[in-house]
Amino acid sequence: MACFAALIPLPSLRGPHVVQFLAYFTLADLAYLFAVLRLKGDPIFLRMLWMFALLFRLALLLTSPSLFDDVYRYAWDGRLLNQGINPYALPVDTPQLDAYATPLRGPVNHA
């Protein structure tokens, strides 16, 4: 849990923060490997493993996507499709789409 909690204050998991991300993630992977090796069908240990798995996901639930930011593109394209506009006909940052602008438009990669 400490490894995942240490990822939260990082502004991005890319660029200069990649080394920190990989270090924390490697430590978390080693802890997971240790847990799996100790599992051996023990029902109490299995419940504890599931509890920690849920806890780790909840810790990062409210953070913004850092490694997978395509979600912003999908939301933007879906918004345009719902308005009857082909999202691939115009670039994201074109002034013709200003009427449909939302906060999701800004972080779209490869505008």
PDB file of N, CA and C in Angstrom:
ATOM      1  N   MET A   1       0.831  -1.182   0.000  1.00  0.00           N
ATOM      2  CA  MET A   1       0.000   0.000   0.000  1.00  0.00           C
ATOM      3  C   MET A   1       0.878   1.248   0.000  1.00  0.00           C
ATOM      4  N   ALA A   2       1.979   1.187   0.704  1.00  0.00           N
ATOM      5  CA  ALA A   2       2.883   2.339   0.760  1.00  0.00           C
ATOM      6  C   ALA A   2       3.406   2.695  -0.631  1.00  0.00           C
ATOM      7  N   CYS A   3       3.676   1.700  -1.460  1.00  0.00           N
ATOM      8  CA  CYS A   3       4.159   1.961  -2.820  1.00  0.00           C
ATOM      9  C   CYS A   3       3.109   2.697  -3.644  1.00  0.00           C
ATOM     10  N   PHE A   4       1.863   2.273  -3.541  1.00  0.00           N
ATOM     11  CA  PHE A   4       0.805   2.931  -4.300  1.00  0.00           C
ATOM     12  C   PHE A   4       0.513   4.324  -3.750  1.00  0.00           C
ATOM     13  N   ALA A   5       0.567   4.474  -2.439  1.00  0.00           N
ATOM     14  CA  ALA A   5       0.355   5.789  -1.838  1.00  0.00           C
ATOM     15  C   ALA A   5       1.461   6.757  -2.243  1.00  0.00           C
ATOM     16  N   ALA A   6       2.662   6.262  -2.446  1.00  0.00           N
ATOM     17  CA  ALA A   6       3.773   7.124  -2.861  1.00  0.00           C
ATOM     18  C   ALA A   6       3.598   7.620  -4.293  1.00  0.00           C
ATOM     19  N   LEU A   7       2.793   6.943  -5.091  1.00  0.00           N
ATOM     20  CA  LEU A   7       2.551   7.379  -6.469  1.00  0.00           C
ATOM     21  C   LEU A   7       1.573   8.549  -6.544  1.00  0.00           C
ATOM     22  N   ILE A   8       0.732   8.706  -5.547  1.00  0.00           N
ATOM     23  CA  ILE A   8      -0.337   9.704  -5.605  1.00  0.00           C
ATOM     24  C   ILE A   8       0.189  11.131  -5.767  1.00  0.00           C
ATOM     25  N   PRO A   9       1.200  11.575  -5.010  1.00  0.00           N
ATOM     26  CA  PRO A   9       1.622  12.971  -5.163  1.00  0.00           C
ATOM     27  C   PRO A   9       2.420  13.259  -6.434  1.00  0.00           C
ATOM     28  N   LEU A  10       2.830  12.241  -7.169  1.00  0.00           N
ATOM     29  CA  LEU A  10       3.581  12.500  -8.397  1.00  0.00           C
ATOM     30  C   LEU A  10       2.674  13.180  -9.414  1.00  0.00           C
ATOM     31  N   PRO A  11       3.114  14.293 -10.015  1.00  0.00           N
ATOM     32  CA  PRO A  11       2.254  14.992 -10.978  1.00  0.00           C
ATOM     33  C   PRO A  11       2.020  14.188 -12.255  1.00  0.00           C
ATOM     34  N   SER A  12       2.959  13.331 -12.589  1.00  0.00           N
ATOM     35  CA  SER A  12       2.838  12.507 -13.779  1.00  0.00           C
ATOM     36  C   SER A  12       3.692  11.271 -13.573  1.00  0.00           C
ATOM     37  N   LEU A  13       3.324  10.206 -14.208  1.00  0.00           N
ATOM     38  CA  LEU A  13       4.128   8.989 -14.133  1.00  0.00           C
ATOM     39  C   LEU A  13       4.995   8.857 -15.373  1.00  0.00           C
ATOM     40  N   ARG A  14       5.120   9.925 -16.107  1.00  0.00           N
ATOM     41  CA  ARG A  14       5.952   9.974 -17.313  1.00  0.00           C
ATOM     42  C   ARG A  14       7.094  10.946 -17.099  1.00  0.00           C
ATOM     43  N   GLY A  15       7.935  11.091 -18.094  1.00  0.00           N
ATOM     44  CA  GLY A  15       9.010  12.072 -18.065  1.00  0.00           C
ATOM     45  C   GLY A  15       9.983  11.848 -16.922  1.00  0.00           C
ATOM     46  N   PRO A  16      10.263  12.900 -16.145  1.00  0.00           N
ATOM     47  CA  PRO A  16      11.279  12.780 -15.089  1.00  0.00           C
ATOM     48  C   PRO A  16      10.844  11.899 -13.920  1.00  0.00           C
ATOM     49  N   HIS A  17       9.588  11.544 -13.843  1.00  0.00           N
ATOM     50  CA  HIS A  17       9.085  10.743 -12.731  1.00  0.00           C
ATOM     51  C   HIS A  17       9.059   9.247 -13.028  1.00  0.00           C
ATOM     52  N   VAL A  18       9.529   8.847 -14.209  1.00  0.00           N
ATOM     53  CA  VAL A  18       9.483   7.446 -14.615  1.00  0.00           C
ATOM     54  C   VAL A  18      10.312   6.566 -13.679  1.00  0.00           C
ATOM     55  N   VAL A  19      11.472   7.038 -13.250  1.00  0.00           N
ATOM     56  CA  VAL A  19      12.327   6.222 -12.379  1.00  0.00           C
ATOM     57  C   VAL A  19      11.633   5.958 -11.046  1.00  0.00           C
ATOM     58  N   GLN A  20      11.013   7.003 -10.461  1.00  0.00           N
ATOM     59  CA  GLN A  20      10.286   6.805  -9.202  1.00  0.00           C
ATOM     60  C   GLN A  20       9.132   5.835  -9.396  1.00  0.00           C
ATOM     61  N   PHE A  21       8.385   6.017 -10.480  1.00  0.00           N
ATOM     62  CA  PHE A  21       7.260   5.142 -10.761  1.00  0.00           C
ATOM     63  C   PHE A  21       7.716   3.686 -10.868  1.00  0.00           C
ATOM     64  N   LEU A  22       8.763   3.450 -11.632  1.00  0.00           N
ATOM     65  CA  LEU A  22       9.240   2.079 -11.818  1.00  0.00           C
ATOM     66  C   LEU A  22       9.752   1.481 -10.510  1.00  0.00           C
ATOM     67  N   ALA A  23      10.410   2.291  -9.693  1.00  0.00           N
ATOM     68  CA  ALA A  23      10.914   1.788  -8.411  1.00  0.00           C
ATOM     69  C   ALA A  23       9.761   1.368  -7.498  1.00  0.00           C
ATOM     70  N   TYR A  24       8.763   2.234  -7.348  1.00  0.00           N
ATOM     71  CA  TYR A  24       7.621   1.907  -6.496  1.00  0.00           C
ATOM     72  C   TYR A  24       6.839   0.724  -7.041  1.00  0.00           C
ATOM     73  N   PHE A  25       6.666   0.695  -8.353  1.00  0.00           N
ATOM     74  CA  PHE A  25       5.892  -0.387  -8.952  1.00  0.00           C
ATOM     75  C   PHE A  25       6.627  -1.720  -8.830  1.00  0.00           C
ATOM     76  N   THR A  26       7.953  -1.697  -8.953  1.00  0.00           N
ATOM     77  CA  THR A  26       8.738  -2.924  -8.788  1.00  0.00           C
ATOM     78  C   THR A  26       8.627  -3.447  -7.362  1.00  0.00           C
ATOM     79  N   LEU A  27       8.691  -2.548  -6.387  1.00  0.00           N
ATOM     80  CA  LEU A  27       8.516  -2.970  -4.993  1.00  0.00           C
ATOM     81  C   LEU A  27       7.133  -3.578  -4.769  1.00  0.00           C
ATOM     82  N   ALA A  28       6.108  -2.961  -5.352  1.00  0.00           N
ATOM     83  CA  ALA A  28       4.755  -3.496  -5.225  1.00  0.00           C
ATOM     84  C   ALA A  28       4.649  -4.863  -5.902  1.00  0.00           C
ATOM     85  N   ASP A  29       5.296  -5.029  -7.050  1.00  0.00           N
ATOM     86  CA  ASP A  29       5.294  -6.327  -7.738  1.00  0.00           C
ATOM     87  C   ASP A  29       5.962  -7.409  -6.897  1.00  0.00           C
ATOM     88  N   LEU A  30       7.062  -7.056  -6.260  1.00  0.00           N
ATOM     89  CA  LEU A  30       7.752  -8.036  -5.413  1.00  0.00           C
ATOM     90  C   LEU A  30       6.881  -8.437  -4.220  1.00  0.00           C
ATOM     91  N   ALA A  31       6.184  -7.482  -3.636  1.00  0.00           N
ATOM     92  CA  ALA A  31       5.277  -7.795  -2.528  1.00  0.00           C
ATOM     93  C   ALA A  31       4.151  -8.708  -3.012  1.00  0.00           C
ATOM     94  N   TYR A  32       3.646  -8.445  -4.208  1.00  0.00           N
ATOM     95  CA  TYR A  32       2.597  -9.293  -4.779  1.00  0.00           C
ATOM     96  C   TYR A  32       3.123 -10.712  -5.013  1.00  0.00           C
ATOM     97  N   LEU A  33       4.328 -10.813  -5.561  1.00  0.00           N
ATOM     98  CA  LEU A  33       4.919 -12.126  -5.801  1.00  0.00           C
ATOM     99  C   LEU A  33       5.078 -12.896  -4.492  1.00  0.00           C
ATOM    100  N   PHE A  34       5.531 -12.218  -3.461  1.00  0.00           N
ATOM    101  CA  PHE A  34       5.666 -12.847  -2.154  1.00  0.00           C
ATOM    102  C   PHE A  34       4.311 -13.346  -1.649  1.00  0.00           C
ATOM    103  N   ALA A  35       3.269 -12.538  -1.819  1.00  0.00           N
ATOM    104  CA  ALA A  35       1.925 -12.923  -1.367  1.00  0.00           C
ATOM    105  C   ALA A  35       1.415 -14.145  -2.128  1.00  0.00           C
ATOM    106  N   VAL A  36       1.631 -14.166  -3.426  1.00  0.00           N
ATOM    107  CA  VAL A  36       1.162 -15.299  -4.237  1.00  0.00           C
ATOM    108  C   VAL A  36       1.908 -16.570  -3.859  1.00  0.00           C
ATOM    109  N   LEU A  37       3.201 -16.463  -3.620  1.00  0.00           N
ATOM    110  CA  LEU A  37       3.975 -17.647  -3.253  1.00  0.00           C
ATOM    111  C   LEU A  37       3.552 -18.209  -1.893  1.00  0.00           C
ATOM    112  N   ARG A  38       3.071 -17.341  -1.021  1.00  0.00           N
ATOM    113  CA  ARG A  38       2.637 -17.789   0.306  1.00  0.00           C
ATOM    114  C   ARG A  38       1.189 -18.266   0.315  1.00  0.00           C
ATOM    115  N   LEU A  39       0.463 -18.037  -0.745  1.00  0.00           N
ATOM    116  CA  LEU A  39      -0.977 -18.317  -0.789  1.00  0.00           C
ATOM    117  C   LEU A  39      -1.296 -19.760  -0.414  1.00  0.00           C
ATOM    118  N   LYS A  40      -0.858 -20.717  -1.181  1.00  0.00           N
ATOM    119  CA  LYS A  40      -1.003 -22.146  -0.918  1.00  0.00           C
ATOM    120  C   LYS A  40      -2.386 -22.565  -0.426  1.00  0.00           C
ATOM    121  N   GLY A  41      -3.443 -21.926  -0.908  1.00  0.00           N
ATOM    122  CA  GLY A  41      -4.797 -22.355  -0.596  1.00  0.00           C
ATOM    123  C   GLY A  41      -5.313 -21.980   0.775  1.00  0.00           C
ATOM    124  N   ASP A  42      -4.611 -21.171   1.533  1.00  0.00           N
ATOM    125  CA  ASP A  42      -5.067 -20.751   2.855  1.00  0.00           C
ATOM    126  C   ASP A  42      -6.223 -19.768   2.692  1.00  0.00           C
ATOM    127  N   PRO A  43      -7.453 -20.102   3.137  1.00  0.00           N
ATOM    128  CA  PRO A  43      -8.608 -19.224   2.910  1.00  0.00           C
ATOM    129  C   PRO A  43      -8.481 -17.869   3.612  1.00  0.00           C
ATOM    130  N   ILE A  44      -7.854 -17.824   4.768  1.00  0.00           N
ATOM    131  CA  ILE A  44      -7.696 -16.544   5.468  1.00  0.00           C
ATOM    132  C   ILE A  44      -6.737 -15.654   4.690  1.00  0.00           C
ATOM    133  N   PHE A  45      -5.653 -16.225   4.216  1.00  0.00           N
ATOM    134  CA  PHE A  45      -4.679 -15.454   3.455  1.00  0.00           C
ATOM    135  C   PHE A  45      -5.276 -14.995   2.131  1.00  0.00           C
ATOM    136  N   LEU A  46      -6.110 -15.822   1.523  1.00  0.00           N
ATOM    137  CA  LEU A  46      -6.758 -15.449   0.268  1.00  0.00           C
ATOM    138  C   LEU A  46      -7.680 -14.252   0.472  1.00  0.00           C
ATOM    139  N   ARG A  47      -8.452 -14.241   1.554  1.00  0.00           N
ATOM    140  CA  ARG A  47      -9.318 -13.092   1.848  1.00  0.00           C
ATOM    141  C   ARG A  47      -8.495 -11.833   2.073  1.00  0.00           C
ATOM    142  N   MET A  48      -7.387 -11.970   2.768  1.00  0.00           N
ATOM    143  CA  MET A  48      -6.532 -10.817   3.021  1.00  0.00           C
ATOM    144  C   MET A  48      -5.928 -10.292   1.708  1.00  0.00           C
ATOM    145  N   LEU A  49      -5.555 -11.191   0.813  1.00  0.00           N
ATOM    146  CA  LEU A  49      -5.005 -10.791  -0.484  1.00  0.00           C
ATOM    147  C   LEU A  49      -6.042 -10.004  -1.285  1.00  0.00           C
ATOM    148  N   TRP A  50      -7.298 -10.462  -1.287  1.00  0.00           N
ATOM    149  CA  TRP A  50      -8.364  -9.742  -1.984  1.00  0.00           C
ATOM    150  C   TRP A  50      -8.611  -8.375  -1.338  1.00  0.00           C
ATOM    151  N   MET A  51      -8.553  -8.316  -0.021  1.00  0.00           N
ATOM    152  CA  MET A  51      -8.765  -7.048   0.674  1.00  0.00           C
ATOM    153  C   MET A  51      -7.699  -6.031   0.271  1.00  0.00           C
ATOM    154  N   PHE A  52      -6.447  -6.454   0.243  1.00  0.00           N
ATOM    155  CA  PHE A  52      -5.382  -5.539  -0.153  1.00  0.00           C
ATOM    156  C   PHE A  52      -5.492  -5.160  -1.624  1.00  0.00           C
ATOM    157  N   ALA A  53      -5.893  -6.077  -2.479  1.00  0.00           N
ATOM    158  CA  ALA A  53      -6.061  -5.764  -3.898  1.00  0.00           C
ATOM    159  C   ALA A  53      -7.095  -4.651  -4.078  1.00  0.00           C
ATOM    160  N   LEU A  54      -8.206  -4.748  -3.360  1.00  0.00           N
ATOM    161  CA  LEU A  54      -9.225  -3.698  -3.431  1.00  0.00           C
ATOM    162  C   LEU A  54      -8.715  -2.381  -2.847  1.00  0.00           C
ATOM    163  N   LEU A  55      -7.988  -2.462  -1.764  1.00  0.00           N
ATOM    164  CA  LEU A  55      -7.431  -1.271  -1.132  1.00  0.00           C
ATOM    165  C   LEU A  55      -6.476  -0.538  -2.071  1.00  0.00           C
ATOM    166  N   PHE A  56      -5.652  -1.279  -2.800  1.00  0.00           N
ATOM    167  CA  PHE A  56      -4.699  -0.667  -3.730  1.00  0.00           C
ATOM    168  C   PHE A  56      -5.431   0.051  -4.864  1.00  0.00           C
ATOM    169  N   ARG A  57      -6.503  -0.540  -5.341  1.00  0.00           N
ATOM    170  CA  ARG A  57      -7.254   0.116  -6.413  1.00  0.00           C
ATOM    171  C   ARG A  57      -7.976   1.352  -5.910  1.00  0.00           C
ATOM    172  N   LEU A  58      -8.521   1.286  -4.716  1.00  0.00           N
ATOM    173  CA  LEU A  58      -9.207   2.442  -4.143  1.00  0.00           C
ATOM    174  C   LEU A  58      -8.251   3.607  -3.903  1.00  0.00           C
ATOM    175  N   ALA A  59      -7.003   3.306  -3.573  1.00  0.00           N
ATOM    176  CA  ALA A  59      -6.023   4.357  -3.300  1.00  0.00           C
ATOM    177  C   ALA A  59      -5.788   5.236  -4.521  1.00  0.00           C
ATOM    178  N   LEU A  60      -5.858   4.667  -5.707  1.00  0.00           N
ATOM    179  CA  LEU A  60      -5.582   5.430  -6.929  1.00  0.00           C
ATOM    180  C   LEU A  60      -6.847   5.773  -7.717  1.00  0.00           C
ATOM    181  N   LEU A  61      -8.000   5.477  -7.160  1.00  0.00           N
ATOM    182  CA  LEU A  61      -9.253   5.675  -7.881  1.00  0.00           C
ATOM    183  C   LEU A  61      -9.509   7.136  -8.234  1.00  0.00           C
ATOM    184  N   LEU A  62      -9.227   8.045  -7.332  1.00  0.00           N
ATOM    185  CA  LEU A  62      -9.541   9.453  -7.557  1.00  0.00           C
ATOM    186  C   LEU A  62      -8.406  10.235  -8.212  1.00  0.00           C
ATOM    187  N   THR A  63      -7.316   9.576  -8.577  1.00  0.00           N
ATOM    188  CA  THR A  63      -6.230  10.268  -9.264  1.00  0.00           C
ATOM    189  C   THR A  63      -6.533  10.334 -10.753  1.00  0.00           C
ATOM    190  N   SER A  64      -5.969  11.313 -11.414  1.00  0.00           N
ATOM    191  CA  SER A  64      -6.200  11.428 -12.855  1.00  0.00           C
ATOM    192  C   SER A  64      -5.319  10.423 -13.588  1.00  0.00           C
ATOM    193  N   PRO A  65      -5.784   9.941 -14.747  1.00  0.00           N
ATOM    194  CA  PRO A  65      -4.986   8.973 -15.495  1.00  0.00           C
ATOM    195  C   PRO A  65      -3.659   9.589 -15.915  1.00  0.00           C
ATOM    196  N   SER A  66      -2.593   8.873 -15.739  1.00  0.00           N
ATOM    197  CA  SER A  66      -1.290   9.406 -16.090  1.00  0.00           C
ATOM    198  C   SER A  66      -0.611   8.563 -17.161  1.00  0.00           C
ATOM    199  N   LEU A  67      -0.755   7.278 -17.087  1.00  0.00           N
ATOM    200  CA  LEU A  67      -0.141   6.416 -18.088  1.00  0.00           C
ATOM    201  C   LEU A  67      -1.079   6.159 -19.257  1.00  0.00           C
ATOM    202  N   PHE A  68      -2.350   6.252 -19.015  1.00  0.00           N
ATOM    203  CA  PHE A  68      -3.344   5.989 -20.053  1.00  0.00           C
ATOM    204  C   PHE A  68      -4.264   7.197 -20.145  1.00  0.00           C
ATOM    205  N   ASP A  69      -3.908   8.164 -20.986  1.00  0.00           N
ATOM    206  CA  ASP A  69      -4.720   9.364 -21.093  1.00  0.00           C
ATOM    207  C   ASP A  69      -5.616   9.349 -22.334  1.00  0.00           C
ATOM    208  N   ASP A  70      -5.717   8.198 -22.989  1.00  0.00           N
ATOM    209  CA  ASP A  70      -6.613   8.081 -24.140  1.00  0.00           C
ATOM    210  C   ASP A  70      -8.073   8.254 -23.732  1.00  0.00           C
ATOM    211  N   VAL A  71      -8.366   8.091 -22.454  1.00  0.00           N
ATOM    212  CA  VAL A  71      -9.743   8.210 -21.978  1.00  0.00           C
ATOM    213  C   VAL A  71     -10.310   9.588 -22.318  1.00  0.00           C
ATOM    214  N   TYR A  72      -9.462  10.622 -22.295  1.00  0.00           N
ATOM    215  CA  TYR A  72      -9.935  11.964 -22.645  1.00  0.00           C
ATOM    216  C   TYR A  72     -10.322  12.034 -24.112  1.00  0.00           C
ATOM    217  N   ARG A  73      -9.552  11.376 -24.963  1.00  0.00           N
ATOM    218  CA  ARG A  73      -9.876  11.355 -26.394  1.00  0.00           C
ATOM    219  C   ARG A  73     -11.188  10.607 -26.629  1.00  0.00           C
ATOM    220  N   TYR A  74     -11.365   9.486 -25.944  1.00  0.00           N
ATOM    221  CA  TYR A  74     -12.602   8.710 -26.107  1.00  0.00           C
ATOM    222  C   TYR A  74     -13.816   9.528 -25.664  1.00  0.00           C
ATOM    223  N   ALA A  75     -13.689  10.235 -24.549  1.00  0.00           N
ATOM    224  CA  ALA A  75     -14.809  11.049 -24.055  1.00  0.00           C
ATOM    225  C   ALA A  75     -15.103  12.193 -25.021  1.00  0.00           C
ATOM    226  N   TRP A  76     -14.054  12.822 -25.554  1.00  0.00           N
ATOM    227  CA  TRP A  76     -14.239  13.927 -26.506  1.00  0.00           C
ATOM    228  C   TRP A  76     -14.896  13.417 -27.793  1.00  0.00           C
ATOM    229  N   ASP A  77     -14.392  12.321 -28.325  1.00  0.00           N
ATOM    230  CA  ASP A  77     -14.974  11.755 -29.544  1.00  0.00           C
ATOM    231  C   ASP A  77     -16.432  11.353 -29.319  1.00  0.00           C
ATOM    232  N   GLY A  78     -16.728  10.761 -28.175  1.00  0.00           N
ATOM    233  CA  GLY A  78     -18.101  10.379 -27.865  1.00  0.00           C
ATOM    234  C   GLY A  78     -19.026  11.577 -27.769  1.00  0.00           C
ATOM    235  N   ARG A  79     -18.520  12.667 -27.180  1.00  0.00           N
ATOM    236  CA  ARG A  79     -19.328  13.894 -27.080  1.00  0.00           C
ATOM    237  C   ARG A  79     -19.678  14.423 -28.469  1.00  0.00           C
ATOM    238  N   LEU A  80     -18.691  14.446 -29.362  1.00  0.00           N
ATOM    239  CA  LEU A  80     -18.948  14.924 -30.720  1.00  0.00           C
ATOM    240  C   LEU A  80     -19.891  13.986 -31.472  1.00  0.00           C
ATOM    241  N   LEU A  81     -19.702  12.691 -31.307  1.00  0.00           N
ATOM    242  CA  LEU A  81     -20.591  11.738 -31.979  1.00  0.00           C
ATOM    243  C   LEU A  81     -22.037  11.909 -31.519  1.00  0.00           C
ATOM    244  N   ASN A  82     -22.232  12.168 -30.221  1.00  0.00           N
ATOM    245  CA  ASN A  82     -23.588  12.406 -29.713  1.00  0.00           C
ATOM    246  C   ASN A  82     -24.210  13.666 -30.291  1.00  0.00           C
ATOM    247  N   GLN A  83     -23.378  14.591 -30.745  1.00  0.00           N
ATOM    248  CA  GLN A  83     -23.876  15.820 -31.369  1.00  0.00           C
ATOM    249  C   GLN A  83     -24.030  15.665 -32.889  1.00  0.00           C
ATOM    250  N   GLY A  84     -23.720  14.468 -33.404  1.00  0.00           N
ATOM    251  CA  GLY A  84     -23.843  14.215 -34.833  1.00  0.00           C
ATOM    252  C   GLY A  84     -22.657  14.698 -35.643  1.00  0.00           C
ATOM    253  N   ILE A  85     -21.509  14.890 -35.009  1.00  0.00           N
ATOM    254  CA  ILE A  85     -20.308  15.390 -35.673  1.00  0.00           C
ATOM    255  C   ILE A  85     -19.282  14.261 -35.756  1.00  0.00           C
ATOM    256  N   ASN A  86     -18.652  14.138 -36.911  1.00  0.00           N
ATOM    257  CA  ASN A  86     -17.593  13.154 -37.087  1.00  0.00           C
ATOM    258  C   ASN A  86     -16.340  13.667 -36.367  1.00  0.00           C
ATOM    259  N   PRO A  87     -15.889  13.027 -35.300  1.00  0.00           N
ATOM    260  CA  PRO A  87     -14.745  13.538 -34.545  1.00  0.00           C
ATOM    261  C   PRO A  87     -13.420  13.444 -35.300  1.00  0.00           C
ATOM    262  N   TYR A  88     -13.395  12.694 -36.391  1.00  0.00           N
ATOM    263  CA  TYR A  88     -12.159  12.530 -37.146  1.00  0.00           C
ATOM    264  C   TYR A  88     -12.080  13.485 -38.334  1.00  0.00           C
ATOM    265  N   ALA A  89     -13.122  14.269 -38.549  1.00  0.00           N
ATOM    266  CA  ALA A  89     -13.137  15.194 -39.677  1.00  0.00           C
ATOM    267  C   ALA A  89     -12.348  16.464 -39.381  1.00  0.00           C
ATOM    268  N   LEU A  90     -12.245  16.845 -38.106  1.00  0.00           N
ATOM    269  CA  LEU A  90     -11.567  18.084 -37.721  1.00  0.00           C
ATOM    270  C   LEU A  90     -10.594  17.823 -36.577  1.00  0.00           C
ATOM    271  N   PRO A  91      -9.510  18.597 -36.501  1.00  0.00           N
ATOM    272  CA  PRO A  91      -8.628  18.463 -35.336  1.00  0.00           C
ATOM    273  C   PRO A  91      -9.342  18.899 -34.063  1.00  0.00           C
ATOM    274  N   VAL A  92      -8.919  18.383 -32.946  1.00  0.00           N
ATOM    275  CA  VAL A  92      -9.558  18.667 -31.663  1.00  0.00           C
ATOM    276  C   VAL A  92      -9.524  20.160 -31.333  1.00  0.00           C
ATOM    277  N   ASP A  93      -8.411  20.818 -31.638  1.00  0.00           N
ATOM    278  CA  ASP A  93      -8.245  22.219 -31.238  1.00  0.00           C
ATOM    279  C   ASP A  93      -8.710  23.233 -32.277  1.00  0.00           C
ATOM    280  N   THR A  94      -9.466  22.815 -33.276  1.00  0.00           N
ATOM    281  CA  THR A  94      -9.949  23.747 -34.286  1.00  0.00           C
ATOM    282  C   THR A  94     -11.012  24.677 -33.698  1.00  0.00           C
ATOM    283  N   PRO A  95     -11.006  25.951 -34.085  1.00  0.00           N
ATOM    284  CA  PRO A  95     -12.019  26.887 -33.569  1.00  0.00           C
ATOM    285  C   PRO A  95     -13.455  26.499 -33.931  1.00  0.00           C
ATOM    286  N   GLN A  96     -13.632  25.701 -34.974  1.00  0.00           N
ATOM    287  CA  GLN A  96     -14.983  25.295 -35.373  1.00  0.00           C
ATOM    288  C   GLN A  96     -15.659  24.427 -34.306  1.00  0.00           C
ATOM    289  N   LEU A  97     -14.882  23.834 -33.414  1.00  0.00           N
ATOM    290  CA  LEU A  97     -15.444  22.979 -32.373  1.00  0.00           C
ATOM    291  C   LEU A  97     -15.526  23.683 -31.025  1.00  0.00           C
ATOM    292  N   ASP A  98     -15.257  24.978 -30.976  1.00  0.00           N
ATOM    293  CA  ASP A  98     -15.295  25.721 -29.712  1.00  0.00           C
ATOM    294  C   ASP A  98     -16.667  25.670 -29.045  1.00  0.00           C
ATOM    295  N   ALA A  99     -17.717  25.557 -29.822  1.00  0.00           N
ATOM    296  CA  ALA A  99     -19.065  25.503 -29.252  1.00  0.00           C
ATOM    297  C   ALA A  99     -19.291  24.230 -28.430  1.00  0.00           C
ATOM    298  N   TYR A 100     -18.483  23.212 -28.679  1.00  0.00           N
ATOM    299  CA  TYR A 100     -18.637  21.930 -27.980  1.00  0.00           C
ATOM    300  C   TYR A 100     -17.566  21.720 -26.906  1.00  0.00           C
ATOM    301  N   ALA A 101     -16.803  22.753 -26.615  1.00  0.00           N
ATOM    302  CA  ALA A 101     -15.676  22.635 -25.692  1.00  0.00           C
ATOM    303  C   ALA A 101     -16.133  22.252 -24.283  1.00  0.00           C
ATOM    304  N   THR A 102     -15.363  21.373 -23.659  1.00  0.00           N
ATOM    305  CA  THR A 102     -15.556  20.957 -22.267  1.00  0.00           C
ATOM    306  C   THR A 102     -14.171  20.860 -21.629  1.00  0.00           C
ATOM    307  N   PRO A 103     -14.095  20.673 -20.317  1.00  0.00           N
ATOM    308  CA  PRO A 103     -12.775  20.476 -19.701  1.00  0.00           C
ATOM    309  C   PRO A 103     -12.039  19.246 -20.237  1.00  0.00           C
ATOM    310  N   LEU A 104     -12.745  18.308 -20.850  1.00  0.00           N
ATOM    311  CA  LEU A 104     -12.108  17.117 -21.415  1.00  0.00           C
ATOM    312  C   LEU A 104     -11.337  17.413 -22.690  1.00  0.00           C
ATOM    313  N   ARG A 105     -11.581  18.551 -23.296  1.00  0.00           N
ATOM    314  CA  ARG A 105     -10.928  18.879 -24.563  1.00  0.00           C
ATOM    315  C   ARG A 105      -9.455  19.201 -24.365  1.00  0.00           C
ATOM    316  N   GLY A 106      -9.119  19.847 -23.278  1.00  0.00           N
ATOM    317  CA  GLY A 106      -7.743  20.275 -23.036  1.00  0.00           C
ATOM    318  C   GLY A 106      -6.733  19.157 -22.945  1.00  0.00           C
ATOM    319  N   PRO A 107      -6.995  18.114 -22.135  1.00  0.00           N
ATOM    320  CA  PRO A 107      -5.978  17.068 -21.986  1.00  0.00           C
ATOM    321  C   PRO A 107      -5.953  16.006 -23.091  1.00  0.00           C
ATOM    322  N   VAL A 108      -6.728  16.199 -24.175  1.00  0.00           N
ATOM    323  CA  VAL A 108      -6.720  15.226 -25.270  1.00  0.00           C
ATOM    324  C   VAL A 108      -5.322  15.194 -25.871  1.00  0.00           C
ATOM    325  N   ASN A 109      -4.745  13.997 -25.974  1.00  0.00           N
ATOM    326  CA  ASN A 109      -3.422  13.886 -26.586  1.00  0.00           C
ATOM    327  C   ASN A 109      -3.542  13.852 -28.109  1.00  0.00           C
ATOM    328  N   HIS A 110      -2.528  14.277 -28.783  1.00  0.00           N
ATOM    329  CA  HIS A 110      -2.482  14.290 -30.245  1.00  0.00           C
ATOM    330  C   HIS A 110      -3.682  15.032 -30.843  1.00  0.00           C
ATOM    331  N   ALA A 111      -3.869  16.258 -30.364  1.00  0.00           N
ATOM    332  CA  ALA A 111      -5.009  17.053 -30.811  1.00  0.00           C
ATOM    333  C   ALA A 111      -4.999  17.245 -32.315  1.00  0.00           C
TER     334      ALA A 111
END
